[in-house]
Amino acid sequence: MNKRHRKTLDAIFDMPVRSDIEWKEIESLFKALGAEVSEGRGSRVRVALKGVRAVFHRPHPKKETDKGAVKSVRRFLKESEVI
């Protein structure tokens, strides 16, 4: 994990929950952590990490992830015991 990934991880766990994290940065973090990322139907993105699976929706038309999605990413990372 490089400095950019660490910065994204810190942003995900910032309080209060942020709504300015770009989805491409989160997806890059998943890949850096060794997750399998695959495309689903429409804007869905399937992610598998350490036996934990989740489906997220890529934000559109904006590129920033909303607070609810950031909370879901946070929960996913905790369940996969990355943190």
PDB file of N, CA and C in Angstrom:
ATOM      1  N   MET A   1       0.850  -1.166   0.000  1.00  0.00           N
ATOM      2  CA  MET A   1       0.000   0.000   0.000  1.00  0.00           C
ATOM      3  C   MET A   1       0.903   1.239   0.000  1.00  0.00           C
ATOM      4  N   ASN A   2       0.637   2.138  -0.932  1.00  0.00           N
ATOM      5  CA  ASN A   2       1.466   3.334  -1.005  1.00  0.00           C
ATOM      6  C   ASN A   2       0.820   4.506  -0.240  1.00  0.00           C
ATOM      7  N   LYS A   3       1.455   5.648  -0.323  1.00  0.00           N
ATOM      8  CA  LYS A   3       1.003   6.822   0.433  1.00  0.00           C
ATOM      9  C   LYS A   3      -0.408   7.261   0.022  1.00  0.00           C
ATOM     10  N   ARG A   4      -0.695   7.188  -1.267  1.00  0.00           N
ATOM     11  CA  ARG A   4      -2.019   7.577  -1.759  1.00  0.00           C
ATOM     12  C   ARG A   4      -3.104   6.653  -1.206  1.00  0.00           C
ATOM     13  N   HIS A   5      -2.810   5.349  -1.164  1.00  0.00           N
ATOM     14  CA  HIS A   5      -3.774   4.391  -0.626  1.00  0.00           C
ATOM     15  C   HIS A   5      -3.997   4.627   0.867  1.00  0.00           C
ATOM     16  N   ARG A   6      -2.940   4.919   1.593  1.00  0.00           N
ATOM     17  CA  ARG A   6      -3.043   5.206   3.030  1.00  0.00           C
ATOM     18  C   ARG A   6      -3.910   6.445   3.262  1.00  0.00           C
ATOM     19  N   LYS A   7      -3.725   7.453   2.398  1.00  0.00           N
ATOM     20  CA  LYS A   7      -4.520   8.682   2.503  1.00  0.00           C
ATOM     21  C   LYS A   7      -6.007   8.386   2.269  1.00  0.00           C
ATOM     22  N   THR A   8      -6.301   7.540   1.297  1.00  0.00           N
ATOM     23  CA  THR A   8      -7.686   7.156   1.016  1.00  0.00           C
ATOM     24  C   THR A   8      -8.266   6.378   2.192  1.00  0.00           C
ATOM     25  N   LEU A   9      -7.501   5.446   2.746  1.00  0.00           N
ATOM     26  CA  LEU A   9      -7.956   4.666   3.893  1.00  0.00           C
ATOM     27  C   LEU A   9      -8.259   5.573   5.083  1.00  0.00           C
ATOM     28  N   ASP A  10      -7.383   6.532   5.343  1.00  0.00           N
ATOM     29  CA  ASP A  10      -7.612   7.489   6.429  1.00  0.00           C
ATOM     30  C   ASP A  10      -8.874   8.307   6.179  1.00  0.00           C
ATOM     31  N   ALA A  11      -9.099   8.707   4.925  1.00  0.00           N
ATOM     32  CA  ALA A  11     -10.292   9.490   4.589  1.00  0.00           C
ATOM     33  C   ALA A  11     -11.564   8.683   4.813  1.00  0.00           C
ATOM     34  N   ILE A  12     -11.529   7.388   4.516  1.00  0.00           N
ATOM     35  CA  ILE A  12     -12.696   6.529   4.711  1.00  0.00           C
ATOM     36  C   ILE A  12     -13.078   6.455   6.183  1.00  0.00           C
ATOM     37  N   PHE A  13     -12.082   6.445   7.060  1.00  0.00           N
ATOM     38  CA  PHE A  13     -12.351   6.311   8.488  1.00  0.00           C
ATOM     39  C   PHE A  13     -12.369   7.651   9.230  1.00  0.00           C
ATOM     40  N   ASP A  14     -12.294   8.768   8.500  1.00  0.00           N
ATOM     41  CA  ASP A  14     -12.410  10.092   9.126  1.00  0.00           C
ATOM     42  C   ASP A  14     -13.791  10.266   9.748  1.00  0.00           C
ATOM     43  N   MET A  15     -13.830  11.040  10.819  1.00  0.00           N
ATOM     44  CA  MET A  15     -15.103  11.425  11.426  1.00  0.00           C
ATOM     45  C   MET A  15     -15.159  12.935  11.429  1.00  0.00           C
ATOM     46  N   PRO A  16     -16.234  13.561  11.039  1.00  0.00           N
ATOM     47  CA  PRO A  16     -17.457  12.962  10.515  1.00  0.00           C
ATOM     48  C   PRO A  16     -17.210  12.329   9.140  1.00  0.00           C
ATOM     49  N   VAL A  17     -18.158  11.505   8.731  1.00  0.00           N
ATOM     50  CA  VAL A  17     -18.039  10.779   7.466  1.00  0.00           C
ATOM     51  C   VAL A  17     -17.927  11.776   6.313  1.00  0.00           C
ATOM     52  N   ARG A  18     -16.975  11.530   5.439  1.00  0.00           N
ATOM     53  CA  ARG A  18     -16.728  12.439   4.319  1.00  0.00           C
ATOM     54  C   ARG A  18     -17.542  12.054   3.089  1.00  0.00           C
ATOM     55  N   SER A  19     -17.819  13.032   2.258  1.00  0.00           N
ATOM     56  CA  SER A  19     -18.544  12.787   1.012  1.00  0.00           C
ATOM     57  C   SER A  19     -17.760  13.313  -0.189  1.00  0.00           C
ATOM     58  N   ASP A  20     -16.448  13.441  -0.030  1.00  0.00           N
ATOM     59  CA  ASP A  20     -15.626  13.974  -1.115  1.00  0.00           C
ATOM     60  C   ASP A  20     -14.549  12.994  -1.589  1.00  0.00           C
ATOM     61  N   ILE A  21     -14.729  11.715  -1.313  1.00  0.00           N
ATOM     62  CA  ILE A  21     -13.747  10.703  -1.709  1.00  0.00           C
ATOM     63  C   ILE A  21     -14.148  10.175  -3.088  1.00  0.00           C
ATOM     64  N   GLU A  22     -13.229  10.245  -4.032  1.00  0.00           N
ATOM     65  CA  GLU A  22     -13.537   9.762  -5.377  1.00  0.00           C
ATOM     66  C   GLU A  22     -13.580   8.234  -5.392  1.00  0.00           C
ATOM     67  N   TRP A  23     -14.558   7.701  -6.126  1.00  0.00           N
ATOM     68  CA  TRP A  23     -14.731   6.253  -6.183  1.00  0.00           C
ATOM     69  C   TRP A  23     -13.492   5.566  -6.741  1.00  0.00           C
ATOM     70  N   LYS A  24     -12.844   6.168  -7.734  1.00  0.00           N
ATOM     71  CA  LYS A  24     -11.656   5.521  -8.333  1.00  0.00           C
ATOM     72  C   LYS A  24     -10.552   5.330  -7.301  1.00  0.00           C
ATOM     73  N   GLU A  25     -10.467   6.215  -6.315  1.00  0.00           N
ATOM     74  CA  GLU A  25      -9.471   6.071  -5.249  1.00  0.00           C
ATOM     75  C   GLU A  25      -9.823   4.888  -4.338  1.00  0.00           C
ATOM     76  N   ILE A  26     -11.107   4.717  -4.047  1.00  0.00           N
ATOM     77  CA  ILE A  26     -11.555   3.587  -3.221  1.00  0.00           C
ATOM     78  C   ILE A  26     -11.309   2.277  -3.960  1.00  0.00           C
ATOM     79  N   GLU A  27     -11.634   2.253  -5.240  1.00  0.00           N
ATOM     80  CA  GLU A  27     -11.426   1.047  -6.039  1.00  0.00           C
ATOM     81  C   GLU A  27      -9.932   0.710  -6.132  1.00  0.00           C
ATOM     82  N   SER A  28      -9.093   1.718  -6.253  1.00  0.00           N
ATOM     83  CA  SER A  28      -7.642   1.518  -6.282  1.00  0.00           C
ATOM     84  C   SER A  28      -7.148   0.941  -4.953  1.00  0.00           C
ATOM     85  N   LEU A  29      -7.711   1.422  -3.851  1.00  0.00           N
ATOM     86  CA  LEU A  29      -7.364   0.895  -2.527  1.00  0.00           C
ATOM     87  C   LEU A  29      -7.731  -0.577  -2.421  1.00  0.00           C
ATOM     88  N   PHE A  30      -8.941  -0.930  -2.876  1.00  0.00           N
ATOM     89  CA  PHE A  30      -9.364  -2.341  -2.854  1.00  0.00           C
ATOM     90  C   PHE A  30      -8.339  -3.216  -3.569  1.00  0.00           C
ATOM     91  N   LYS A  31      -7.934  -2.797  -4.742  1.00  0.00           N
ATOM     92  CA  LYS A  31      -6.974  -3.580  -5.533  1.00  0.00           C
ATOM     93  C   LYS A  31      -5.626  -3.675  -4.834  1.00  0.00           C
ATOM     94  N   ALA A  32      -5.192  -2.585  -4.209  1.00  0.00           N
ATOM     95  CA  ALA A  32      -3.911  -2.583  -3.497  1.00  0.00           C
ATOM     96  C   ALA A  32      -3.941  -3.527  -2.298  1.00  0.00           C
ATOM     97  N   LEU A  33      -5.129  -3.715  -1.715  1.00  0.00           N
ATOM     98  CA  LEU A  33      -5.267  -4.615  -0.571  1.00  0.00           C
ATOM     99  C   LEU A  33      -5.400  -6.078  -1.000  1.00  0.00           C
ATOM    100  N   GLY A  34      -5.458  -6.306  -2.315  1.00  0.00           N
ATOM    101  CA  GLY A  34      -5.527  -7.672  -2.829  1.00  0.00           C
ATOM    102  C   GLY A  34      -6.933  -8.146  -3.127  1.00  0.00           C
ATOM    103  N   ALA A  35      -7.876  -7.239  -3.197  1.00  0.00           N
ATOM    104  CA  ALA A  35      -9.265  -7.611  -3.466  1.00  0.00           C
ATOM    105  C   ALA A  35      -9.463  -7.951  -4.938  1.00  0.00           C
ATOM    106  N   GLU A  36     -10.439  -8.820  -5.180  1.00  0.00           N
ATOM    107  CA  GLU A  36     -10.870  -9.101  -6.543  1.00  0.00           C
ATOM    108  C   GLU A  36     -12.017  -8.148  -6.835  1.00  0.00           C
ATOM    109  N   VAL A  37     -11.854  -7.327  -7.848  1.00  0.00           N
ATOM    110  CA  VAL A  37     -12.867  -6.342  -8.221  1.00  0.00           C
ATOM    111  C   VAL A  37     -13.378  -6.709  -9.602  1.00  0.00           C
ATOM    112  N   SER A  38     -14.714  -6.836  -9.738  1.00  0.00           N
ATOM    113  CA  SER A  38     -15.292  -7.168 -11.036  1.00  0.00           C
ATOM    114  C   SER A  38     -16.536  -6.326 -11.278  1.00  0.00           C
ATOM    115  N   GLU A  39     -16.841  -6.158 -12.548  1.00  0.00           N
ATOM    116  CA  GLU A  39     -17.994  -5.353 -12.947  1.00  0.00           C
ATOM    117  C   GLU A  39     -19.274  -6.172 -12.814  1.00  0.00           C
ATOM    118  N   GLY A  40     -20.294  -5.524 -12.308  1.00  0.00           N
ATOM    119  CA  GLY A  40     -21.612  -6.135 -12.264  1.00  0.00           C
ATOM    120  C   GLY A  40     -22.477  -5.486 -13.320  1.00  0.00           C
ATOM    121  N   ARG A  41     -23.777  -5.624 -13.189  1.00  0.00           N
ATOM    122  CA  ARG A  41     -24.691  -4.997 -14.139  1.00  0.00           C
ATOM    123  C   ARG A  41     -24.824  -3.513 -13.818  1.00  0.00           C
ATOM    124  N   GLY A  42     -24.872  -2.706 -14.847  1.00  0.00           N
ATOM    125  CA  GLY A  42     -25.032  -1.275 -14.659  1.00  0.00           C
ATOM    126  C   GLY A  42     -23.836  -0.673 -13.962  1.00  0.00           C
ATOM    127  N   SER A  43     -24.096   0.018 -12.856  1.00  0.00           N
ATOM    128  CA  SER A  43     -23.009   0.685 -12.128  1.00  0.00           C
ATOM    129  C   SER A  43     -22.512  -0.145 -10.946  1.00  0.00           C
ATOM    130  N   ARG A  44     -22.908  -1.405 -10.885  1.00  0.00           N
ATOM    131  CA  ARG A  44     -22.499  -2.250  -9.755  1.00  0.00           C
ATOM    132  C   ARG A  44     -21.056  -2.712  -9.894  1.00  0.00           C
ATOM    133  N   VAL A  45     -20.388  -2.780  -8.751  1.00  0.00           N
ATOM    134  CA  VAL A  45     -19.012  -3.276  -8.682  1.00  0.00           C
ATOM    135  C   VAL A  45     -18.970  -4.327  -7.588  1.00  0.00           C
ATOM    136  N   ARG A  46     -18.549  -5.539  -7.944  1.00  0.00           N
ATOM    137  CA  ARG A  46     -18.430  -6.628  -6.958  1.00  0.00           C
ATOM    138  C   ARG A  46     -17.007  -6.661  -6.433  1.00  0.00           C
ATOM    139  N   VAL A  47     -16.892  -6.796  -5.118  1.00  0.00           N
ATOM    140  CA  VAL A  47     -15.575  -6.811  -4.484  1.00  0.00           C
ATOM    141  C   VAL A  47     -15.505  -8.000  -3.532  1.00  0.00           C
ATOM    142  N   ALA A  48     -14.412  -8.761  -3.610  1.00  0.00           N
ATOM    143  CA  ALA A  48     -14.171  -9.878  -2.695  1.00  0.00           C
ATOM    144  C   ALA A  48     -12.793  -9.689  -2.078  1.00  0.00           C
ATOM    145  N   LEU A  49     -12.747  -9.715  -0.746  1.00  0.00           N
ATOM    146  CA  LEU A  49     -11.495  -9.521  -0.036  1.00  0.00           C
ATOM    147  C   LEU A  49     -11.479 -10.405   1.202  1.00  0.00           C
ATOM    148  N   LYS A  50     -10.519 -11.299   1.259  1.00  0.00           N
ATOM    149  CA  LYS A  50     -10.349 -12.205   2.405  1.00  0.00           C
ATOM    150  C   LYS A  50     -11.634 -12.950   2.757  1.00  0.00           C
ATOM    151  N   GLY A  51     -12.319 -13.442   1.743  1.00  0.00           N
ATOM    152  CA  GLY A  51     -13.525 -14.229   1.958  1.00  0.00           C
ATOM    153  C   GLY A  51     -14.786 -13.417   2.193  1.00  0.00           C
ATOM    154  N   VAL A  52     -14.690 -12.123   2.222  1.00  0.00           N
ATOM    155  CA  VAL A  52     -15.858 -11.255   2.411  1.00  0.00           C
ATOM    156  C   VAL A  52     -16.206 -10.652   1.062  1.00  0.00           C
ATOM    157  N   ARG A  53     -17.484 -10.711   0.718  1.00  0.00           N
ATOM    158  CA  ARG A  53     -17.949 -10.187  -0.569  1.00  0.00           C
ATOM    159  C   ARG A  53     -18.921  -9.045  -0.342  1.00  0.00           C
ATOM    160  N   ALA A  54     -18.886  -8.088  -1.268  1.00  0.00           N
ATOM    161  CA  ALA A  54     -19.811  -6.951  -1.199  1.00  0.00           C
ATOM    162  C   ALA A  54     -20.062  -6.439  -2.609  1.00  0.00           C
ATOM    163  N   VAL A  55     -21.196  -5.770  -2.766  1.00  0.00           N
ATOM    164  CA  VAL A  55     -21.530  -5.122  -4.024  1.00  0.00           C
ATOM    165  C   VAL A  55     -21.745  -3.641  -3.729  1.00  0.00           C
ATOM    166  N   PHE A  56     -21.063  -2.806  -4.485  1.00  0.00           N
ATOM    167  CA  PHE A  56     -21.185  -1.358  -4.338  1.00  0.00           C
ATOM    168  C   PHE A  56     -21.683  -0.779  -5.649  1.00  0.00           C
ATOM    169  N   HIS A  57     -22.245   0.401  -5.580  1.00  0.00           N
ATOM    170  CA  HIS A  57     -22.696   1.109  -6.778  1.00  0.00           C
ATOM    171  C   HIS A  57     -21.735   2.247  -7.058  1.00  0.00           C
ATOM    172  N   ARG A  58     -21.182   2.237  -8.260  1.00  0.00           N
ATOM    173  CA  ARG A  58     -20.281   3.309  -8.674  1.00  0.00           C
ATOM    174  C   ARG A  58     -21.121   4.586  -8.802  1.00  0.00           C
ATOM    175  N   PRO A  59     -20.684   5.681  -8.173  1.00  0.00           N
ATOM    176  CA  PRO A  59     -21.476   6.907  -8.211  1.00  0.00           C
ATOM    177  C   PRO A  59     -21.523   7.510  -9.620  1.00  0.00           C
ATOM    178  N   HIS A  60     -22.673   8.060  -9.949  1.00  0.00           N
ATOM    179  CA  HIS A  60     -22.808   8.765 -11.221  1.00  0.00           C
ATOM    180  C   HIS A  60     -23.946   9.762 -11.079  1.00  0.00           C
ATOM    181  N   PRO A  61     -23.964  10.880 -11.668  1.00  0.00           N
ATOM    182  CA  PRO A  61     -22.961  11.367 -12.622  1.00  0.00           C
ATOM    183  C   PRO A  61     -21.722  11.933 -11.937  1.00  0.00           C
ATOM    184  N   LYS A  62     -21.779  12.146 -10.631  1.00  0.00           N
ATOM    185  CA  LYS A  62     -20.613  12.669  -9.918  1.00  0.00           C
ATOM    186  C   LYS A  62     -19.597  11.553  -9.705  1.00  0.00           C
ATOM    187  N   LYS A  63     -18.350  11.931  -9.472  1.00  0.00           N
ATOM    188  CA  LYS A  63     -17.320  10.926  -9.239  1.00  0.00           C
ATOM    189  C   LYS A  63     -17.044  10.712  -7.757  1.00  0.00           C
ATOM    190  N   GLU A  64     -17.616  11.572  -6.888  1.00  0.00           N
ATOM    191  CA  GLU A  64     -17.420  11.446  -5.450  1.00  0.00           C
ATOM    192  C   GLU A  64     -18.436  10.481  -4.848  1.00  0.00           C
ATOM    193  N   THR A  65     -18.004   9.748  -3.860  1.00  0.00           N
ATOM    194  CA  THR A  65     -18.833   8.764  -3.179  1.00  0.00           C
ATOM    195  C   THR A  65     -19.617   9.447  -2.060  1.00  0.00           C
ATOM    196  N   ASP A  66     -20.904   9.116  -1.918  1.00  0.00           N
ATOM    197  CA  ASP A  66     -21.710   9.752  -0.869  1.00  0.00           C
ATOM    198  C   ASP A  66     -21.433   9.117   0.498  1.00  0.00           C
ATOM    199  N   LYS A  67     -21.944   9.740   1.533  1.00  0.00           N
ATOM    200  CA  LYS A  67     -21.654   9.311   2.903  1.00  0.00           C
ATOM    201  C   LYS A  67     -22.135   7.892   3.183  1.00  0.00           C
ATOM    202  N   GLY A  68     -23.283   7.514   2.663  1.00  0.00           N
ATOM    203  CA  GLY A  68     -23.801   6.164   2.881  1.00  0.00           C
ATOM    204  C   GLY A  68     -22.889   5.101   2.296  1.00  0.00           C
ATOM    205  N   ALA A  69     -22.373   5.365   1.105  1.00  0.00           N
ATOM    206  CA  ALA A  69     -21.457   4.418   0.463  1.00  0.00           C
ATOM    207  C   ALA A  69     -20.140   4.345   1.224  1.00  0.00           C
ATOM    208  N   VAL A  70     -19.673   5.473   1.738  1.00  0.00           N
ATOM    209  CA  VAL A  70     -18.431   5.473   2.521  1.00  0.00           C
ATOM    210  C   VAL A  70     -18.612   4.631   3.780  1.00  0.00           C
ATOM    211  N   LYS A  71     -19.780   4.725   4.413  1.00  0.00           N
ATOM    212  CA  LYS A  71     -20.067   3.896   5.591  1.00  0.00           C
ATOM    213  C   LYS A  71     -20.066   2.420   5.220  1.00  0.00           C
ATOM    214  N   SER A  72     -20.615   2.094   4.053  1.00  0.00           N
ATOM    215  CA  SER A  72     -20.631   0.703   3.595  1.00  0.00           C
ATOM    216  C   SER A  72     -19.222   0.194   3.322  1.00  0.00           C
ATOM    217  N   VAL A  73     -18.394   1.023   2.716  1.00  0.00           N
ATOM    218  CA  VAL A  73     -16.999   0.648   2.457  1.00  0.00           C
ATOM    219  C   VAL A  73     -16.275   0.437   3.776  1.00  0.00           C
ATOM    220  N   ARG A  74     -16.520   1.309   4.731  1.00  0.00           N
ATOM    221  CA  ARG A  74     -15.906   1.203   6.058  1.00  0.00           C
ATOM    222  C   ARG A  74     -16.290  -0.131   6.712  1.00  0.00           C
ATOM    223  N   ARG A  75     -17.564  -0.477   6.663  1.00  0.00           N
ATOM    224  CA  ARG A  75     -18.054  -1.730   7.252  1.00  0.00           C
ATOM    225  C   ARG A  75     -17.424  -2.929   6.545  1.00  0.00           C
ATOM    226  N   PHE A  76     -17.332  -2.865   5.212  1.00  0.00           N
ATOM    227  CA  PHE A  76     -16.722  -3.943   4.427  1.00  0.00           C
ATOM    228  C   PHE A  76     -15.259  -4.151   4.824  1.00  0.00           C
ATOM    229  N   LEU A  77     -14.511  -3.067   4.971  1.00  0.00           N
ATOM    230  CA  LEU A  77     -13.103  -3.187   5.348  1.00  0.00           C
ATOM    231  C   LEU A  77     -12.930  -3.746   6.753  1.00  0.00           C
ATOM    232  N   LYS A  78     -13.822  -3.374   7.652  1.00  0.00           N
ATOM    233  CA  LYS A  78     -13.768  -3.931   9.016  1.00  0.00           C
ATOM    234  C   LYS A  78     -14.084  -5.422   9.004  1.00  0.00           C
ATOM    235  N   GLU A  79     -15.116  -5.822   8.245  1.00  0.00           N
ATOM    236  CA  GLU A  79     -15.486  -7.235   8.177  1.00  0.00           C
ATOM    237  C   GLU A  79     -14.390  -8.087   7.553  1.00  0.00           C
ATOM    238  N   SER A  80     -13.676  -7.526   6.606  1.00  0.00           N
ATOM    239  CA  SER A  80     -12.602  -8.295   5.959  1.00  0.00           C
ATOM    240  C   SER A  80     -11.303  -8.224   6.771  1.00  0.00           C
ATOM    241  N   GLU A  81     -11.372  -7.572   7.935  1.00  0.00           N
ATOM    242  CA  GLU A  81     -10.268  -7.493   8.884  1.00  0.00           C
ATOM    243  C   GLU A  81      -9.017  -6.867   8.299  1.00  0.00           C
ATOM    244  N   VAL A  82      -9.219  -5.840   7.486  1.00  0.00           N
ATOM    245  CA  VAL A  82      -8.102  -5.072   6.959  1.00  0.00           C
ATOM    246  C   VAL A  82      -7.609  -4.112   8.025  1.00  0.00           C
ATOM    247  N   ILE A  83      -8.529  -3.625   8.830  1.00  0.00           N
ATOM    248  CA  ILE A  83      -8.196  -2.656   9.893  1.00  0.00           C
ATOM    249  C   ILE A  83      -8.166  -3.375  11.220  1.00  0.00           C
TER     250      ILE A  83
END
